[in-house]
Protein backbone atom coordinates (compact mmCIF):
# COMPACT_ATOMS: atom_id res chain seq x y z
CA MET A 1 -22.97 -60.97 8.66
CA GLY A 2 -25.14 -62.78 6.37
CA THR A 3 -27.76 -61.30 4.11
CA GLU A 4 -30.96 -62.30 5.74
CA GLY A 5 -32.52 -59.33 7.52
CA ALA A 6 -30.36 -56.92 5.79
CA VAL A 7 -31.71 -53.56 4.56
CA TRP A 8 -31.45 -53.19 0.59
CA ALA A 9 -31.45 -50.25 -1.78
CA VAL A 10 -32.56 -51.03 -5.35
CA VAL A 11 -30.83 -48.56 -7.81
CA GLY A 12 -31.04 -48.37 -11.70
CA GLU A 13 -30.61 -46.30 -14.84
CA GLN A 14 -26.98 -45.17 -13.67
CA CYS A 15 -25.18 -46.19 -16.91
CA GLY A 16 -22.33 -47.36 -14.77
CA VAL A 17 -21.86 -43.91 -13.45
CA PRO A 18 -21.95 -42.98 -9.82
CA SER A 19 -24.93 -40.32 -9.20
CA GLU A 20 -25.72 -38.09 -6.06
CA ARG A 21 -29.25 -39.88 -6.26
CA ALA A 22 -27.90 -43.54 -5.81
CA ALA A 23 -25.54 -42.25 -3.30
CA SER A 24 -28.41 -40.75 -1.39
CA LEU A 25 -30.54 -44.07 -1.33
CA VAL A 26 -27.74 -46.35 -0.43
CA ALA A 27 -26.51 -44.17 2.57
CA GLU A 28 -30.35 -43.97 3.68
CA ALA A 29 -30.27 -48.16 3.49
CA ALA A 30 -26.96 -47.98 5.84
CA ARG A 31 -28.51 -45.39 8.36
CA VAL A 32 -31.53 -47.97 8.59
CA ALA A 33 -29.49 -50.76 8.89
CA ASP A 34 -27.28 -49.32 11.60
CA GLN A 35 -30.13 -48.97 13.64
CA LEU A 36 -31.54 -52.10 13.00
CA GLY A 37 -28.19 -53.69 13.94
CA THR A 38 -27.80 -55.32 10.40
CA GLU A 39 -25.87 -54.78 7.21
CA ALA A 40 -26.80 -52.74 4.13
CA GLY A 41 -27.03 -53.72 0.56
CA ALA A 42 -27.35 -52.26 -2.66
CA VAL A 43 -29.05 -53.94 -5.89
CA VAL A 44 -27.81 -52.41 -9.21
CA LEU A 45 -30.12 -52.88 -12.28
CA GLY A 46 -27.95 -52.72 -15.28
CA GLN A 47 -24.36 -52.28 -15.94
CA CYS A 48 -21.87 -51.27 -12.88
CA ASP A 49 -18.37 -50.52 -12.94
CA GLU A 50 -15.74 -50.19 -10.40
CA SER A 51 -16.43 -46.40 -9.25
CA LEU A 52 -19.84 -47.11 -8.69
CA ILE A 53 -19.44 -50.18 -6.69
CA GLY A 54 -16.69 -48.18 -4.77
CA ALA A 55 -19.12 -45.06 -4.06
CA PHE A 56 -21.51 -47.24 -2.77
CA GLY A 57 -18.82 -48.96 -0.33
CA SER A 58 -18.30 -45.58 0.97
CA ARG A 59 -21.84 -44.85 1.83
CA GLY A 60 -21.95 -47.72 4.08
CA THR A 61 -23.10 -50.70 1.53
CA ALA A 62 -21.45 -54.17 2.72
CA ARG A 63 -22.64 -56.16 -0.47
CA VAL A 64 -23.65 -55.23 -3.91
CA PHE A 65 -25.78 -57.49 -6.05
CA LEU A 66 -25.33 -56.85 -9.75
CA ALA A 67 -28.56 -57.49 -11.62
CA HIS A 68 -27.49 -57.10 -15.03
CA ILE A 69 -29.46 -59.70 -17.54
CA LEU A 70 -27.75 -59.62 -20.81
CA GLY A 71 -29.78 -58.53 -23.96
CA THR A 72 -32.06 -56.25 -21.86
CA SER A 73 -31.84 -52.44 -20.53
CA PRO A 74 -31.73 -51.00 -17.11
CA HIS A 75 -34.60 -48.92 -18.23
CA HIS A 76 -36.59 -52.01 -19.16
CA ALA A 77 -38.56 -53.13 -16.38
CA ASP A 78 -40.28 -56.45 -17.47
CA PRO A 79 -37.09 -58.89 -17.17
CA TYR A 80 -36.18 -57.51 -13.85
CA VAL A 81 -39.54 -58.19 -12.01
CA PRO A 82 -38.94 -62.08 -11.72
CA ALA A 83 -35.11 -61.80 -11.05
CA LEU A 84 -35.80 -59.61 -8.08
CA VAL A 85 -38.46 -61.49 -6.65
CA ASP A 86 -36.19 -64.44 -6.76
CA LEU A 87 -33.40 -62.46 -5.13
CA ILE A 88 -35.50 -61.33 -2.51
CA ARG A 89 -36.96 -64.66 -1.63
CA ARG A 90 -33.48 -66.15 -1.58
CA HIS A 91 -31.73 -63.90 0.60
CA GLN A 92 -34.57 -62.64 2.60
CA PRO A 93 -33.96 -58.74 3.41
CA THR A 94 -36.32 -57.02 6.14
CA VAL A 95 -36.03 -54.01 4.34
CA VAL A 96 -36.11 -52.90 0.40
CA LEU A 97 -36.05 -49.42 -0.47
CA TRP A 98 -36.59 -47.89 -4.00
CA ASP A 99 -35.72 -44.65 -5.80
CA THR A 100 -38.61 -42.70 -7.33
CA THR A 101 -37.41 -42.94 -10.68
CA ALA A 102 -39.70 -43.97 -13.64
CA LEU A 103 -38.20 -47.43 -13.55
CA ALA A 104 -38.55 -47.76 -9.64
CA ARG A 105 -42.09 -46.40 -9.81
CA GLU A 106 -42.97 -49.54 -12.25
CA LEU A 107 -40.91 -51.99 -10.55
CA ALA A 108 -41.66 -51.76 -6.89
CA PRO A 109 -45.39 -52.08 -6.69
CA ARG A 110 -45.00 -55.36 -9.15
CA VAL A 111 -42.32 -56.85 -6.87
CA ALA A 112 -44.15 -56.06 -3.75
CA ALA A 113 -47.43 -57.63 -5.21
CA ARG A 114 -45.65 -61.10 -5.95
CA LEU A 115 -43.99 -60.93 -2.57
CA GLY A 116 -47.26 -60.47 -0.67
CA THR A 117 -46.04 -57.19 1.03
CA GLY A 118 -47.04 -53.63 1.45
CA LEU A 119 -45.35 -50.82 -0.38
CA ALA A 120 -45.45 -47.27 0.90
CA SER A 121 -44.71 -44.80 -2.03
CA ASP A 122 -43.18 -41.11 -2.54
CA CYS A 123 -42.19 -41.30 1.47
CA LEU A 124 -40.26 -38.20 2.68
CA GLY A 125 -38.61 -39.80 5.85
CA VAL A 126 -38.07 -43.12 7.55
CA ALA A 127 -37.80 -43.57 11.10
CA VAL A 128 -37.07 -47.06 13.08
CA SER A 129 -39.16 -48.33 16.04
CA GLY A 130 -37.99 -50.34 18.68
CA ASP A 131 -39.47 -53.44 17.57
CA GLY A 132 -37.82 -52.88 13.91
CA VAL A 133 -40.73 -51.65 11.88
CA LEU A 134 -40.18 -48.67 9.94
CA HIS A 135 -42.54 -45.57 10.16
CA LEU A 136 -42.68 -44.03 6.92
CA SER A 137 -43.73 -40.46 6.58
CA ARG A 138 -45.22 -39.06 3.59
CA ALA A 139 -47.41 -35.87 2.51
CA ALA A 140 -51.25 -35.78 2.25
CA TYR A 141 -53.62 -33.58 1.13
CA GLY A 142 -51.60 -31.91 -1.29
CA GLY A 143 -48.62 -31.26 1.36
CA ARG A 144 -50.93 -29.54 4.01
CA ALA A 145 -50.61 -32.78 6.22
CA SER A 146 -48.39 -35.72 6.52
CA CYS A 147 -49.21 -39.24 7.41
CA THR A 148 -46.99 -42.08 8.59
CA VAL A 149 -47.33 -45.59 7.15
CA ALA A 150 -45.96 -49.16 8.69
CA CYS A 151 -46.12 -52.51 7.63
CA PRO A 152 -45.81 -54.49 10.87
CA GLN A 153 -46.14 -57.81 9.82
CA ALA A 154 -45.32 -58.74 6.13
CA ARG A 155 -41.70 -58.60 5.17
CA PRO A 156 -39.63 -57.23 3.40
CA GLN A 157 -40.81 -53.70 4.63
CA MET A 158 -40.53 -51.66 1.23
CA ALA A 159 -40.97 -47.97 0.07
CA THR A 160 -40.05 -45.73 -2.55
CA LEU A 161 -38.30 -42.64 -1.13
CA GLN A 162 -37.88 -39.24 -2.46
CA GLN A 163 -34.34 -37.97 -2.64
CA SER A 164 -32.67 -36.68 0.42
CA PRO A 165 -29.40 -34.52 0.21
CA ALA A 166 -26.54 -37.33 -0.12
CA ALA A 167 -23.74 -34.56 0.89
CA ALA A 168 -25.24 -34.36 4.54
CA LEU A 169 -24.29 -38.20 5.11
CA PRO A 170 -21.36 -39.80 6.17
CA VAL A 171 -18.85 -40.73 3.71
CA VAL A 172 -16.01 -43.52 4.44
CA ALA A 173 -13.51 -43.47 1.69
CA GLY A 174 -11.56 -46.82 0.41
CA ARG A 175 -14.57 -49.12 1.76
CA GLN A 176 -15.09 -51.96 -0.82
CA PRO A 177 -18.07 -54.06 -0.57
CA GLU A 178 -18.71 -57.73 -1.54
CA VAL A 179 -19.60 -57.99 -4.96
CA VAL A 180 -22.29 -60.83 -5.66
CA ALA A 181 -23.44 -61.53 -9.48
CA LEU A 182 -26.98 -62.07 -9.92
CA GLU A 183 -27.57 -65.40 -11.71
CA ALA A 184 -30.61 -65.21 -14.48
CA VAL A 185 -34.01 -66.47 -13.59
CA PRO A 186 -35.29 -68.81 -16.38
CA GLY A 187 -37.63 -66.90 -18.81
CA SER A 188 -36.79 -63.54 -17.04
CA SER A 189 -35.66 -62.11 -20.33
CA VAL A 190 -39.30 -62.47 -21.70
CA SER A 191 -41.02 -59.06 -22.14
CA CYS A 192 -44.22 -57.69 -23.27
CA THR A 193 -42.47 -54.31 -24.51
CA VAL A 194 -40.04 -53.27 -26.49
CA VAL A 195 -37.43 -50.43 -25.97
CA THR A 196 -36.57 -48.97 -29.49
CA GLY A 197 -34.11 -46.29 -28.12
CA PHE A 198 -33.00 -43.42 -26.32
CA PHE A 199 -32.52 -39.72 -26.94
CA GLN A 200 -29.81 -37.75 -25.20
CA GLU A 201 -31.34 -34.53 -23.68
CA GLU A 202 -29.66 -31.20 -23.23
CA PRO A 203 -28.11 -30.24 -20.21
CA SER A 204 -30.79 -27.81 -19.17
CA SER A 205 -33.02 -30.72 -19.46
CA MET A 206 -30.96 -33.23 -17.11
CA ASP A 207 -32.57 -35.59 -14.73
CA LEU A 208 -34.13 -33.23 -11.84
CA ALA A 209 -32.87 -35.10 -9.15
CA GLU A 210 -29.09 -34.97 -10.53
CA ALA A 211 -29.11 -31.21 -11.09
CA ASP A 212 -27.13 -28.91 -8.62
CA VAL A 213 -29.14 -25.74 -9.97
CA VAL A 214 -32.87 -25.79 -10.84
CA VAL A 215 -34.77 -23.17 -12.36
CA ALA A 216 -38.50 -23.73 -11.91
CA GLY A 217 -41.22 -21.70 -13.50
CA GLY A 218 -44.90 -21.25 -12.60
CA ARG A 219 -47.79 -19.79 -14.00
CA GLY A 220 -46.34 -16.27 -13.62
CA VAL A 221 -43.98 -17.04 -16.56
CA GLY A 222 -47.14 -16.63 -18.90
CA SER A 223 -46.59 -19.09 -21.63
CA ARG A 224 -44.65 -22.02 -23.03
CA GLU A 225 -42.67 -19.54 -25.27
CA ALA A 226 -41.68 -17.54 -22.05
CA PHE A 227 -39.95 -20.66 -20.59
CA ARG A 228 -37.09 -20.17 -23.26
CA LEU A 229 -35.69 -17.66 -20.98
CA LEU A 230 -35.59 -20.09 -18.03
CA ALA A 231 -34.01 -22.59 -20.18
CA GLU A 232 -31.12 -20.30 -21.12
CA LEU A 233 -30.78 -19.48 -17.44
CA ALA A 234 -30.62 -23.04 -16.58
CA SER A 235 -28.28 -23.58 -19.50
CA LEU A 236 -25.76 -20.71 -18.42
CA LEU A 237 -25.78 -22.04 -14.77
CA GLY A 238 -25.33 -25.82 -15.57
CA GLY A 239 -28.68 -26.80 -14.36
CA ALA A 240 -32.26 -28.12 -15.09
CA VAL A 241 -35.41 -26.79 -16.03
CA ALA A 242 -38.48 -27.55 -13.59
CA ALA A 243 -42.12 -26.52 -13.33
CA SER A 244 -45.04 -26.32 -11.05
CA ARG A 245 -48.30 -28.53 -11.29
CA PRO A 246 -50.24 -25.57 -13.33
CA VAL A 247 -47.69 -25.34 -15.88
CA VAL A 248 -47.47 -28.91 -16.55
CA ASP A 249 -51.41 -29.12 -16.50
CA ALA A 250 -51.29 -26.32 -19.27
CA GLY A 251 -48.98 -28.50 -21.45
CA TRP A 252 -46.31 -25.71 -21.44
CA VAL A 253 -43.67 -28.24 -19.70
CA PRO A 254 -43.80 -32.15 -19.87
CA PRO A 255 -44.76 -34.03 -16.64
CA HIS A 256 -41.32 -35.35 -16.01
CA ARG A 257 -40.27 -31.60 -15.11
CA GLN A 258 -42.86 -31.11 -12.35
CA VAL A 259 -41.72 -30.67 -8.88
CA GLY A 260 -44.02 -31.11 -5.88
CA GLN A 261 -45.88 -33.73 -4.00
CA SER A 262 -47.26 -35.28 -7.51
CA GLY A 263 -44.20 -34.62 -9.18
CA ARG A 264 -40.44 -34.83 -8.37
CA THR A 265 -38.81 -33.87 -4.84
CA VAL A 266 -35.32 -32.18 -5.43
CA ALA A 267 -32.62 -31.09 -3.25
CA PRO A 268 -30.33 -28.72 -5.33
CA SER A 269 -27.60 -26.30 -4.12
CA LEU A 270 -29.80 -23.61 -5.84
CA TYR A 271 -33.30 -23.61 -6.45
CA ILE A 272 -34.63 -20.48 -8.41
CA ALA A 273 -38.61 -20.23 -8.39
CA CYS A 274 -39.92 -18.00 -11.20
CA GLY A 275 -43.39 -16.80 -10.92
CA ILE A 276 -44.28 -19.59 -8.38
CA SER A 277 -46.89 -18.48 -5.75
CA GLY A 278 -45.90 -21.36 -3.42
CA ALA A 279 -48.56 -23.64 -3.13
CA PRO A 280 -47.92 -26.23 -0.20
CA HIS A 281 -47.96 -29.13 -2.78
CA HIS A 282 -45.10 -27.43 -4.66
CA LEU A 283 -42.99 -26.29 -1.83
CA VAL A 284 -43.43 -29.86 -0.31
CA GLY A 285 -41.10 -31.02 -3.37
CA MET A 286 -38.23 -28.35 -3.10
CA ARG A 287 -38.07 -27.38 0.74
CA GLU A 288 -34.92 -29.36 1.11
CA SER A 289 -32.83 -26.91 -1.45
CA LYS A 290 -29.89 -25.37 -0.01
CA THR A 291 -30.70 -21.94 -1.41
CA VAL A 292 -33.58 -20.74 -2.68
CA ILE A 293 -34.24 -17.64 -5.04
CA ALA A 294 -37.78 -16.53 -5.55
CA ILE A 295 -38.98 -14.18 -8.09
CA ASN A 296 -42.57 -13.29 -8.03
CA SER A 297 -44.56 -9.69 -8.57
CA ASP A 298 -47.05 -10.63 -5.46
CA ARG A 299 -45.12 -9.62 -2.51
CA ASN A 300 -47.46 -12.02 -0.20
CA ALA A 301 -46.71 -15.07 -2.17
CA PRO A 302 -45.92 -17.83 0.11
CA VAL A 303 -42.81 -18.72 -1.53
CA PHE A 304 -40.99 -15.86 -0.27
CA GLY A 305 -41.39 -17.53 3.30
CA LEU A 306 -39.15 -20.09 2.26
CA ALA A 307 -36.66 -18.02 0.09
CA ASP A 308 -33.12 -16.94 0.95
CA LEU A 309 -33.44 -14.55 -1.30
CA GLY A 310 -36.59 -12.58 -2.61
CA ILE A 311 -37.09 -10.21 -5.64
CA VAL A 312 -40.70 -8.69 -5.67
CA GLY A 313 -41.00 -7.94 -9.45
CA ASP A 314 -41.68 -8.91 -12.98
CA LEU A 315 -39.64 -12.14 -13.74
CA HIS A 316 -39.38 -10.73 -17.47
CA GLU A 317 -37.41 -7.56 -16.06
CA VAL A 318 -35.70 -9.34 -13.49
CA LEU A 319 -34.51 -12.25 -15.68
CA PRO A 320 -33.21 -10.77 -19.00
CA PRO A 321 -30.07 -8.46 -17.29
CA VAL A 322 -29.16 -11.84 -15.01
CA VAL A 323 -29.23 -13.82 -18.27
CA ALA A 324 -26.95 -10.98 -19.86
CA ARG A 325 -24.61 -10.83 -17.01
CA LEU A 326 -24.04 -14.34 -17.18
CA ARG A 327 -23.47 -14.80 -20.83
CA GLU A 328 -20.69 -12.34 -20.45
CA SER A 329 -19.06 -14.83 -17.88
CA LYS A 330 -19.87 -17.80 -19.97
CA THR A 331 -16.15 -18.28 -21.05
CA ARG A 332 -15.51 -19.22 -17.30
CA GLY A 333 -18.03 -21.92 -17.47
CA PRO A 334 -21.35 -23.03 -15.66
CA LEU A 335 -21.37 -21.09 -12.25
CA PRO A 336 -21.90 -22.68 -8.88
CA GLY A 337 -24.94 -21.92 -6.82
CA GLU A 338 -22.99 -19.35 -4.54
CA ALA A 339 -21.83 -17.21 -7.13
CA ALA A 340 -25.13 -17.42 -8.89
CA LEU A 341 -26.73 -16.24 -5.79
CA ASP A 342 -24.39 -13.27 -5.79
CA THR A 343 -25.20 -12.08 -9.13
CA PHE A 344 -28.83 -11.96 -8.46
CA ALA A 345 -28.14 -10.23 -5.31
CA ARG A 346 -26.08 -7.50 -7.11
CA LEU A 347 -28.94 -6.55 -9.58
């Protein structure tokens, strides 16, 4: 089967290491390709090793394009725009799916504009109609409603997708895709921006999409300083810190930590909502979490409707004994979600 009419997933910022976020996207591309009766492909921006290629193959990818441009960073968008435009024009995929990383948010609209096609952003689901047109669902009005977006004429159909749980998607071990190295486009290395360096964050500050445990705070946390308690809890659980929109607007937490319709969508094994009332625009960003613990002093807070375990009380009284208990077990390493849930349930 040739590459024309295929369904592609564009992934980047992987640093050569397989990630659940990338696995989710390529598996979704494979699912859509199966419904369209075509093959799935992956375009990897930056370095890529054998384990990453094998992980994509096991998720249904038939062909992997390595779009590594020498002397550039996979976090640097400018050089990849002409390279991706040229690649898509030559191979004519019918669908191109993107992640919602900072790199994808910068690349996708620029590539779509040059190709003269549409782009549906921050989509939550993909359905395939009988005529091969994608129906892409996305939240509207702060998560109170949803809408469906379609691109019936221009090709390729393009969308950025919020994360879906990769664990629920089929895996076929040992499947090896064909690997195709991307040829450099003349002038593609020319850039208007310069990347000066990178900083390694603490584990509790890891990318939200990669975290198996997310500890999120809302206005009920009270202050920027009070987030230190949430950061310690996240660190003990081997997870990441997140926040609701009002907290980000107040400047307590940086924007890339925001969960919700206008922020990130996450699907961790455990989501701990601290002082978050549960506005629709926040719930839309974490409702795919496998287990939700909610702590709020208002017993009528909407977040309790989504919680597996709800604790009515002041988080500043609830969390310290939990943190103390987890400190005692620190020598055993980060606790998985089920053990953390049990710790909360016992207190």
